[in-house]
């Protein structure tokens, strides 16, 4: 499966090293891409920087080009979606800005104060000092809101399998929506707060199912379906929407 389409993956913002700039013709179009030769296998990723290809050092360039051409339809489709995207991911925070929260939009209001965020009706208020970083204040407020929403949903889901409620912590990972550990509990990406509740419920169901099956076997997906019967459509929606979330 192409790397960008793996479950619970978001395009990372930064990679180490310097990629090599190359290009290829796909369906008559000249497509530029960045090649990195420090990967274990051939991978394709498309994010705001365009097409990025990973390959082991020993793989010939001809094989890399063949790999891209074999996935040419997917590459052109995703590049087209990227070009048509109208909402910038890097969202500046200011008075009057709008943020997606639980599938709806909330307005950001900025006033003077002691550097704290609070919610009032459908608005996120940032009481800020003159030199405050508004993005930091917004992130903190969103993370608190995320915990408030995640905790009862996790408890409700865990109850369905008769398991004790595990510890819950937030993650800021760029590449995972969630994780589950028998030792440390469940971690959920706070950026899920931008998505509709049913998509958050799917991620929670996915991680809770790992308390029963610490794998992705057929038995695991049976548990997921018991916890979230509509998991297939939720997973597809998560794949579509996850790469368009704002970055604060």
C-alpha atoms as a PDB file:
ATOM      1  CA  UNK A   1       0.000   0.000   0.000  1.00  0.00           C
ATOM      2  CA  UNK A   2       1.256   3.467  -0.781  1.00  0.00           C
ATOM      3  CA  UNK A   3       2.781   5.089   2.246  1.00  0.00           C
ATOM      4  CA  UNK A   4       0.556   8.162   2.328  1.00  0.00           C
ATOM      5  CA  UNK A   5      -2.543   5.955   2.286  1.00  0.00           C
ATOM      6  CA  UNK A   6      -1.595   3.822   5.264  1.00  0.00           C
ATOM      7  CA  UNK A   7      -4.060   4.005   8.117  1.00  0.00           C
ATOM      8  CA  UNK A   8      -3.469   6.800  10.626  1.00  0.00           C
ATOM      9  CA  UNK A   9      -0.743   8.543   8.619  1.00  0.00           C
ATOM     10  CA  UNK A  10      -0.348  12.262   8.107  1.00  0.00           C
ATOM     11  CA  UNK A  11       2.230  13.835   5.803  1.00  0.00           C
ATOM     12  CA  UNK A  12       5.215  14.829   7.941  1.00  0.00           C
ATOM     13  CA  UNK A  13       6.356  18.409   7.752  1.00  0.00           C
ATOM     14  CA  UNK A  14      10.083  17.813   7.838  1.00  0.00           C
ATOM     15  CA  UNK A  15      12.465  15.133   6.643  1.00  0.00           C
ATOM     16  CA  UNK A  16      16.155  14.905   7.371  1.00  0.00           C
ATOM     17  CA  UNK A  17      18.692  14.999   4.587  1.00  0.00           C
ATOM     18  CA  UNK A  18      18.547  16.618   1.174  1.00  0.00           C
ATOM     19  CA  UNK A  19      16.312  15.008  -1.459  1.00  0.00           C
ATOM     20  CA  UNK A  20      17.332  14.860  -5.123  1.00  0.00           C
ATOM     21  CA  UNK A  21      15.090  16.783  -7.529  1.00  0.00           C
ATOM     22  CA  UNK A  22      13.923  14.722 -10.506  1.00  0.00           C
ATOM     23  CA  UNK A  23      11.023  14.620 -12.952  1.00  0.00           C
ATOM     24  CA  UNK A  24       9.010  12.068 -14.919  1.00  0.00           C
ATOM     25  CA  UNK A  25       6.334  12.113 -17.647  1.00  0.00           C
ATOM     26  CA  UNK A  26       2.938  10.755 -16.567  1.00  0.00           C
ATOM     27  CA  UNK A  27       0.070  10.773 -19.072  1.00  0.00           C
ATOM     28  CA  UNK A  28       1.827  13.505 -21.020  1.00  0.00           C
ATOM     29  CA  UNK A  29       2.418  15.671 -17.941  1.00  0.00           C
ATOM     30  CA  UNK A  30       5.846  16.606 -16.619  1.00  0.00           C
ATOM     31  CA  UNK A  31       5.804  15.729 -12.911  1.00  0.00           C
ATOM     32  CA  UNK A  32       8.585  16.853 -10.615  1.00  0.00           C
ATOM     33  CA  UNK A  33       9.432  14.817  -7.557  1.00  0.00           C
ATOM     34  CA  UNK A  34      11.952  14.701  -4.724  1.00  0.00           C
ATOM     35  CA  UNK A  35      13.893  11.436  -4.357  1.00  0.00           C
ATOM     36  CA  UNK A  36      15.359  10.229  -1.095  1.00  0.00           C
ATOM     37  CA  UNK A  37      17.580   7.172  -1.022  1.00  0.00           C
ATOM     38  CA  UNK A  38      17.517   6.294   2.650  1.00  0.00           C
ATOM     39  CA  UNK A  39      14.380   4.143   2.732  1.00  0.00           C
ATOM     40  CA  UNK A  40      14.029   0.391   3.215  1.00  0.00           C
ATOM     41  CA  UNK A  41      11.532   0.088   0.373  1.00  0.00           C
ATOM     42  CA  UNK A  42      10.025   2.065  -2.455  1.00  0.00           C
ATOM     43  CA  UNK A  43       7.440   4.547  -1.202  1.00  0.00           C
ATOM     44  CA  UNK A  44       5.365   7.392  -2.611  1.00  0.00           C
ATOM     45  CA  UNK A  45       4.086  10.301  -0.577  1.00  0.00           C
ATOM     46  CA  UNK A  46       2.171  13.382  -1.651  1.00  0.00           C
ATOM     47  CA  UNK A  47       1.792  16.390   0.606  1.00  0.00           C
ATOM     48  CA  UNK A  48       2.016  20.148   0.317  1.00  0.00           C
ATOM     49  CA  UNK A  49       5.551  19.841  -1.065  1.00  0.00           C
ATOM     50  CA  UNK A  50       4.375  17.678  -3.965  1.00  0.00           C
ATOM     51  CA  UNK A  51       5.426  14.153  -4.902  1.00  0.00           C
ATOM     52  CA  UNK A  52       8.131  12.647  -2.709  1.00  0.00           C
ATOM     53  CA  UNK A  53       9.689   9.261  -3.468  1.00  0.00           C
ATOM     54  CA  UNK A  54      11.679   7.098  -1.101  1.00  0.00           C
ATOM     55  CA  UNK A  55      13.954   4.286  -2.252  1.00  0.00           C
ATOM     56  CA  UNK A  56      16.817   2.090  -1.037  1.00  0.00           C
ATOM     57  CA  UNK A  57      20.233   3.161  -2.307  1.00  0.00           C
ATOM     58  CA  UNK A  58      20.673   0.047  -4.435  1.00  0.00           C
ATOM     59  CA  UNK A  59      17.475   0.440  -6.492  1.00  0.00           C
ATOM     60  CA  UNK A  60      18.245   1.675 -10.061  1.00  0.00           C
ATOM     61  CA  UNK A  61      16.634   4.885 -11.280  1.00  0.00           C
ATOM     62  CA  UNK A  62      14.845   2.936 -14.020  1.00  0.00           C
ATOM     63  CA  UNK A  63      13.122   0.802 -11.387  1.00  0.00           C
ATOM     64  CA  UNK A  64      12.128   3.905  -9.428  1.00  0.00           C
ATOM     65  CA  UNK A  65      10.586   5.478 -12.534  1.00  0.00           C
ATOM     66  CA  UNK A  66       8.735   2.242 -13.293  1.00  0.00           C
ATOM     67  CA  UNK A  67       7.378   2.206  -9.743  1.00  0.00           C
ATOM     68  CA  UNK A  68       6.078   5.754 -10.135  1.00  0.00           C
ATOM     69  CA  UNK A  69       4.524   4.976 -13.530  1.00  0.00           C
ATOM     70  CA  UNK A  70       2.793   1.898 -12.120  1.00  0.00           C
ATOM     71  CA  UNK A  71       1.066   4.232  -9.659  1.00  0.00           C
ATOM     72  CA  UNK A  72       0.707   7.069 -12.136  1.00  0.00           C
ATOM     73  CA  UNK A  73      -3.067   7.283 -11.935  1.00  0.00           C
ATOM     74  CA  UNK A  74      -2.936   7.645  -8.156  1.00  0.00           C
ATOM     75  CA  UNK A  75      -0.147  10.239  -8.376  1.00  0.00           C
ATOM     76  CA  UNK A  76      -2.039  12.416 -10.867  1.00  0.00           C
ATOM     77  CA  UNK A  77      -5.267  12.129  -8.880  1.00  0.00           C
ATOM     78  CA  UNK A  78      -3.642  13.165  -5.597  1.00  0.00           C
ATOM     79  CA  UNK A  79      -1.655  15.992  -7.190  1.00  0.00           C
ATOM     80  CA  UNK A  80      -4.899  17.244  -8.736  1.00  0.00           C
ATOM     81  CA  UNK A  81      -6.620  17.164  -5.355  1.00  0.00           C
ATOM     82  CA  UNK A  82      -3.700  19.051  -3.847  1.00  0.00           C
ATOM     83  CA  UNK A  83      -3.851  21.725  -6.546  1.00  0.00           C
ATOM     84  CA  UNK A  84      -7.601  22.218  -6.058  1.00  0.00           C
ATOM     85  CA  UNK A  85      -7.412  22.556  -2.303  1.00  0.00           C
ATOM     86  CA  UNK A  86      -8.669  25.992  -1.307  1.00  0.00           C
ATOM     87  CA  UNK A  87      -8.110  25.904   2.446  1.00  0.00           C
ATOM     88  CA  UNK A  88      -4.487  26.506   3.507  1.00  0.00           C
ATOM     89  CA  UNK A  89      -3.182  24.021   6.045  1.00  0.00           C
ATOM     90  CA  UNK A  90      -0.926  26.499   7.833  1.00  0.00           C
ATOM     91  CA  UNK A  91      -3.621  28.572   9.459  1.00  0.00           C
ATOM     92  CA  UNK A  92      -2.623  31.879  11.068  1.00  0.00           C
ATOM     93  CA  UNK A  93      -4.457  32.612  14.307  1.00  0.00           C
ATOM     94  CA  UNK A  94      -5.938  36.074  14.614  1.00  0.00           C
ATOM     95  CA  UNK A  95      -9.153  37.728  15.684  1.00  0.00           C
ATOM     96  CA  UNK A  96     -11.898  36.533  13.359  1.00  0.00           C
ATOM     97  CA  UNK A  97     -10.100  33.388  12.158  1.00  0.00           C
ATOM     98  CA  UNK A  98     -12.174  30.219  11.834  1.00  0.00           C
ATOM     99  CA  UNK A  99     -11.136  26.779  13.090  1.00  0.00           C
ATOM    100  CA  UNK A 100     -12.751  23.386  12.524  1.00  0.00           C
ATOM    101  CA  UNK A 101     -13.765  21.836  15.846  1.00  0.00           C
ATOM    102  CA  UNK A 102     -15.690  18.556  16.052  1.00  0.00           C
ATOM    103  CA  UNK A 103     -16.693  18.893  12.422  1.00  0.00           C
ATOM    104  CA  UNK A 104     -18.067  22.432  12.789  1.00  0.00           C
ATOM    105  CA  UNK A 105     -16.478  25.866  12.551  1.00  0.00           C
ATOM    106  CA  UNK A 106     -15.712  28.085  15.513  1.00  0.00           C
ATOM    107  CA  UNK A 107     -14.593  31.698  15.387  1.00  0.00           C
ATOM    108  CA  UNK A 108     -11.459  32.854  17.174  1.00  0.00           C
ATOM    109  CA  UNK A 109     -11.811  36.037  19.229  1.00  0.00           C
ATOM    110  CA  UNK A 110      -8.742  37.782  20.640  1.00  0.00           C
ATOM    111  CA  UNK A 111      -8.850  40.093  23.617  1.00  0.00           C
ATOM    112  CA  UNK A 112      -6.334  41.366  26.157  1.00  0.00           C
ATOM    113  CA  UNK A 113      -5.629  39.172  29.143  1.00  0.00           C
ATOM    114  CA  UNK A 114      -3.271  36.828  30.904  1.00  0.00           C
ATOM    115  CA  UNK A 115      -2.463  34.372  28.114  1.00  0.00           C
ATOM    116  CA  UNK A 116      -5.252  31.857  28.383  1.00  0.00           C
ATOM    117  CA  UNK A 117      -7.912  30.427  26.119  1.00  0.00           C
ATOM    118  CA  UNK A 118     -11.521  29.735  26.960  1.00  0.00           C
ATOM    119  CA  UNK A 119     -14.666  28.672  25.150  1.00  0.00           C
ATOM    120  CA  UNK A 120     -17.789  30.775  25.012  1.00  0.00           C
ATOM    121  CA  UNK A 121     -20.740  29.473  23.002  1.00  0.00           C
ATOM    122  CA  UNK A 122     -19.316  28.652  19.552  1.00  0.00           C
ATOM    123  CA  UNK A 123     -16.259  30.861  19.896  1.00  0.00           C
ATOM    124  CA  UNK A 124     -12.704  30.298  21.095  1.00  0.00           C
ATOM    125  CA  UNK A 125     -11.549  33.326  23.075  1.00  0.00           C
ATOM    126  CA  UNK A 126      -7.841  34.002  23.503  1.00  0.00           C
ATOM    127  CA  UNK A 127      -7.060  36.421  26.297  1.00  0.00           C
ATOM    128  CA  UNK A 128      -3.548  37.387  25.305  1.00  0.00           C
ATOM    129  CA  UNK A 129      -0.742  39.677  26.335  1.00  0.00           C
ATOM    130  CA  UNK A 130       0.708  41.900  23.570  1.00  0.00           C
ATOM    131  CA  UNK A 131       3.666  39.595  22.823  1.00  0.00           C
ATOM    132  CA  UNK A 132       1.738  36.314  23.132  1.00  0.00           C
ATOM    133  CA  UNK A 133       1.963  33.556  20.531  1.00  0.00           C
ATOM    134  CA  UNK A 134      -1.690  33.159  19.600  1.00  0.00           C
ATOM    135  CA  UNK A 135      -1.095  29.797  17.912  1.00  0.00           C
ATOM    136  CA  UNK A 136       0.298  28.381  21.158  1.00  0.00           C
ATOM    137  CA  UNK A 137      -2.704  29.661  23.127  1.00  0.00           C
ATOM    138  CA  UNK A 138      -5.071  28.168  20.544  1.00  0.00           C
ATOM    139  CA  UNK A 139      -3.307  24.794  20.628  1.00  0.00           C
ATOM    140  CA  UNK A 140      -3.542  24.626  24.398  1.00  0.00           C
ATOM    141  CA  UNK A 141      -7.251  25.413  24.315  1.00  0.00           C
ATOM    142  CA  UNK A 142      -7.869  22.846  21.595  1.00  0.00           C
ATOM    143  CA  UNK A 143      -5.927  20.205  23.499  1.00  0.00           C
ATOM    144  CA  UNK A 144      -8.026  20.796  26.622  1.00  0.00           C
ATOM    145  CA  UNK A 145     -11.164  20.552  24.513  1.00  0.00           C
ATOM    146  CA  UNK A 146      -9.832  17.341  22.971  1.00  0.00           C
ATOM    147  CA  UNK A 147      -9.314  15.693  26.359  1.00  0.00           C
ATOM    148  CA  UNK A 148     -12.782  16.741  27.486  1.00  0.00           C
ATOM    149  CA  UNK A 149     -14.279  15.069  24.415  1.00  0.00           C
ATOM    150  CA  UNK A 150     -12.023  12.007  24.262  1.00  0.00           C
ATOM    151  CA  UNK A 151     -12.318  10.877  27.887  1.00  0.00           C
ATOM    152  CA  UNK A 152     -16.042  10.019  28.001  1.00  0.00           C
ATOM    153  CA  UNK A 153     -15.961   8.546  24.476  1.00  0.00           C
ATOM    154  CA  UNK A 154     -13.061   6.292  25.468  1.00  0.00           C
ATOM    155  CA  UNK A 155     -14.818   5.195  28.665  1.00  0.00           C
ATOM    156  CA  UNK A 156     -18.012   4.407  26.746  1.00  0.00           C
ATOM    157  CA  UNK A 157     -16.137   2.375  24.138  1.00  0.00           C
ATOM    158  CA  UNK A 158     -14.039   0.425  26.634  1.00  0.00           C
ATOM    159  CA  UNK A 159     -17.197  -0.503  28.552  1.00  0.00           C
ATOM    160  CA  UNK A 160     -18.382  -2.465  25.497  1.00  0.00           C
ATOM    161  CA  UNK A 161     -15.478  -4.917  25.818  1.00  0.00           C
ATOM    162  CA  UNK A 162     -15.598  -5.123  29.612  1.00  0.00           C
ATOM    163  CA  UNK A 163     -12.122  -3.690  30.018  1.00  0.00           C
ATOM    164  CA  UNK A 164     -10.919  -1.212  32.616  1.00  0.00           C
ATOM    165  CA  UNK A 165     -10.516   2.291  31.248  1.00  0.00           C
ATOM    166  CA  UNK A 166      -6.852   2.702  30.273  1.00  0.00           C
ATOM    167  CA  UNK A 167      -4.769   5.795  30.849  1.00  0.00           C
ATOM    168  CA  UNK A 168      -5.350   8.426  28.167  1.00  0.00           C
ATOM    169  CA  UNK A 169      -2.754  10.906  26.963  1.00  0.00           C
ATOM    170  CA  UNK A 170      -2.587  13.265  24.028  1.00  0.00           C
ATOM    171  CA  UNK A 171      -0.149  13.001  21.167  1.00  0.00           C
ATOM    172  CA  UNK A 172       1.169  15.652  18.787  1.00  0.00           C
ATOM    173  CA  UNK A 173       2.594  13.078  16.386  1.00  0.00           C
ATOM    174  CA  UNK A 174       2.744  13.975  12.703  1.00  0.00           C
ATOM    175  CA  UNK A 175       2.373  10.384  11.516  1.00  0.00           C
ATOM    176  CA  UNK A 176      -0.174   8.651  13.746  1.00  0.00           C
ATOM    177  CA  UNK A 177      -3.745   9.261  14.856  1.00  0.00           C
ATOM    178  CA  UNK A 178      -3.404   7.038  17.876  1.00  0.00           C
ATOM    179  CA  UNK A 179      -1.538   4.235  19.593  1.00  0.00           C
ATOM    180  CA  UNK A 180      -2.217   1.627  22.239  1.00  0.00           C
ATOM    181  CA  UNK A 181       0.160   0.071  24.743  1.00  0.00           C
ATOM    182  CA  UNK A 182      -0.665  -2.539  27.359  1.00  0.00           C
ATOM    183  CA  UNK A 183       1.773  -0.748  29.680  1.00  0.00           C
ATOM    184  CA  UNK A 184       1.082   2.960  29.122  1.00  0.00           C
ATOM    185  CA  UNK A 185      -2.480   3.002  27.790  1.00  0.00           C
ATOM    186  CA  UNK A 186      -3.929   4.853  24.809  1.00  0.00           C
ATOM    187  CA  UNK A 187      -2.575   7.955  23.113  1.00  0.00           C
ATOM    188  CA  UNK A 188      -4.798   9.996  20.795  1.00  0.00           C
ATOM    189  CA  UNK A 189      -3.662  12.762  18.501  1.00  0.00           C
ATOM    190  CA  UNK A 190      -5.153  16.008  19.766  1.00  0.00           C
ATOM    191  CA  UNK A 191      -5.706  17.162  16.144  1.00  0.00           C
ATOM    192  CA  UNK A 192      -8.597  14.722  15.969  1.00  0.00           C
ATOM    193  CA  UNK A 193     -10.584  17.500  17.684  1.00  0.00           C
ATOM    194  CA  UNK A 194     -10.869  19.134  14.246  1.00  0.00           C
ATOM    195  CA  UNK A 195     -12.837  16.159  12.875  1.00  0.00           C
ATOM    196  CA  UNK A 196     -16.445  15.070  13.184  1.00  0.00           C
ATOM    197  CA  UNK A 197     -17.284  13.028  16.322  1.00  0.00           C
ATOM    198  CA  UNK A 198     -17.971   9.836  14.346  1.00  0.00           C
ATOM    199  CA  UNK A 199     -14.435   9.869  12.932  1.00  0.00           C
ATOM    200  CA  UNK A 200     -12.987  10.364  16.407  1.00  0.00           C
ATOM    201  CA  UNK A 201     -15.113   7.451  17.611  1.00  0.00           C
ATOM    202  CA  UNK A 202     -13.614   5.265  14.895  1.00  0.00           C
ATOM    203  CA  UNK A 203     -10.050   6.080  15.970  1.00  0.00           C
ATOM    204  CA  UNK A 204     -10.968   5.375  19.585  1.00  0.00           C
ATOM    205  CA  UNK A 205     -12.586   2.071  18.575  1.00  0.00           C
ATOM    206  CA  UNK A 206      -9.471   1.150  16.618  1.00  0.00           C
ATOM    207  CA  UNK A 207      -7.197   1.727  19.605  1.00  0.00           C
ATOM    208  CA  UNK A 208      -9.563   0.083  22.099  1.00  0.00           C
ATOM    209  CA  UNK A 209      -9.697  -3.002  19.864  1.00  0.00           C
ATOM    210  CA  UNK A 210      -5.944  -3.310  20.394  1.00  0.00           C
ATOM    211  CA  UNK A 211      -6.649  -3.966  24.063  1.00  0.00           C
ATOM    212  CA  UNK A 212      -8.154  -7.247  22.838  1.00  0.00           C
ATOM    213  CA  UNK A 213      -5.967  -7.951  19.801  1.00  0.00           C
ATOM    214  CA  UNK A 214      -2.576  -6.228  19.688  1.00  0.00           C
ATOM    215  CA  UNK A 215      -2.348  -6.718  15.914  1.00  0.00           C
ATOM    216  CA  UNK A 216      -4.333  -6.095  12.734  1.00  0.00           C
ATOM    217  CA  UNK A 217      -5.565  -9.642  12.251  1.00  0.00           C
ATOM    218  CA  UNK A 218      -9.042 -10.651  11.133  1.00  0.00           C
ATOM    219  CA  UNK A 219      -9.954 -11.044  14.818  1.00  0.00           C
ATOM    220  CA  UNK A 220      -8.898  -7.446  15.424  1.00  0.00           C
ATOM    221  CA  UNK A 221     -11.228  -6.110  12.726  1.00  0.00           C
ATOM    222  CA  UNK A 222     -14.103  -8.160  14.151  1.00  0.00           C
ATOM    223  CA  UNK A 223     -13.640  -6.285  17.426  1.00  0.00           C
ATOM    224  CA  UNK A 224     -13.450  -2.953  15.572  1.00  0.00           C
ATOM    225  CA  UNK A 225     -16.715  -3.735  13.795  1.00  0.00           C
ATOM    226  CA  UNK A 226     -18.419  -4.569  17.066  1.00  0.00           C
ATOM    227  CA  UNK A 227     -17.312  -1.219  18.491  1.00  0.00           C
ATOM    228  CA  UNK A 228     -17.842   0.820  15.335  1.00  0.00           C
ATOM    229  CA  UNK A 229     -20.108  -0.905  12.771  1.00  0.00           C
ATOM    230  CA  UNK A 230     -19.546   1.865  10.208  1.00  0.00           C
ATOM    231  CA  UNK A 231     -15.759   1.724  10.502  1.00  0.00           C
ATOM    232  CA  UNK A 232     -15.093   1.276   6.777  1.00  0.00           C
ATOM    233  CA  UNK A 233     -16.710   4.539   5.728  1.00  0.00           C
ATOM    234  CA  UNK A 234     -15.203   6.302   8.752  1.00  0.00           C
ATOM    235  CA  UNK A 235     -11.728   5.078   7.827  1.00  0.00           C
ATOM    236  CA  UNK A 236     -12.138   6.286   4.262  1.00  0.00           C
ATOM    237  CA  UNK A 237     -13.370   9.695   5.432  1.00  0.00           C
ATOM    238  CA  UNK A 238     -10.427   9.918   7.813  1.00  0.00           C
ATOM    239  CA  UNK A 239      -8.011   9.238   4.969  1.00  0.00           C
ATOM    240  CA  UNK A 240      -9.597  11.954   2.846  1.00  0.00           C
ATOM    241  CA  UNK A 241      -9.907  14.586   5.531  1.00  0.00           C
ATOM    242  CA  UNK A 242      -6.840  13.906   7.628  1.00  0.00           C
ATOM    243  CA  UNK A 243      -4.346  15.438   5.217  1.00  0.00           C
ATOM    244  CA  UNK A 244      -6.334  18.688   4.984  1.00  0.00           C
ATOM    245  CA  UNK A 245      -6.446  19.546   8.677  1.00  0.00           C
ATOM    246  CA  UNK A 246      -5.064  22.962   9.643  1.00  0.00           C
ATOM    247  CA  UNK A 247      -1.610  23.159  11.167  1.00  0.00           C
ATOM    248  CA  UNK A 248      -1.260  25.712  13.955  1.00  0.00           C
END
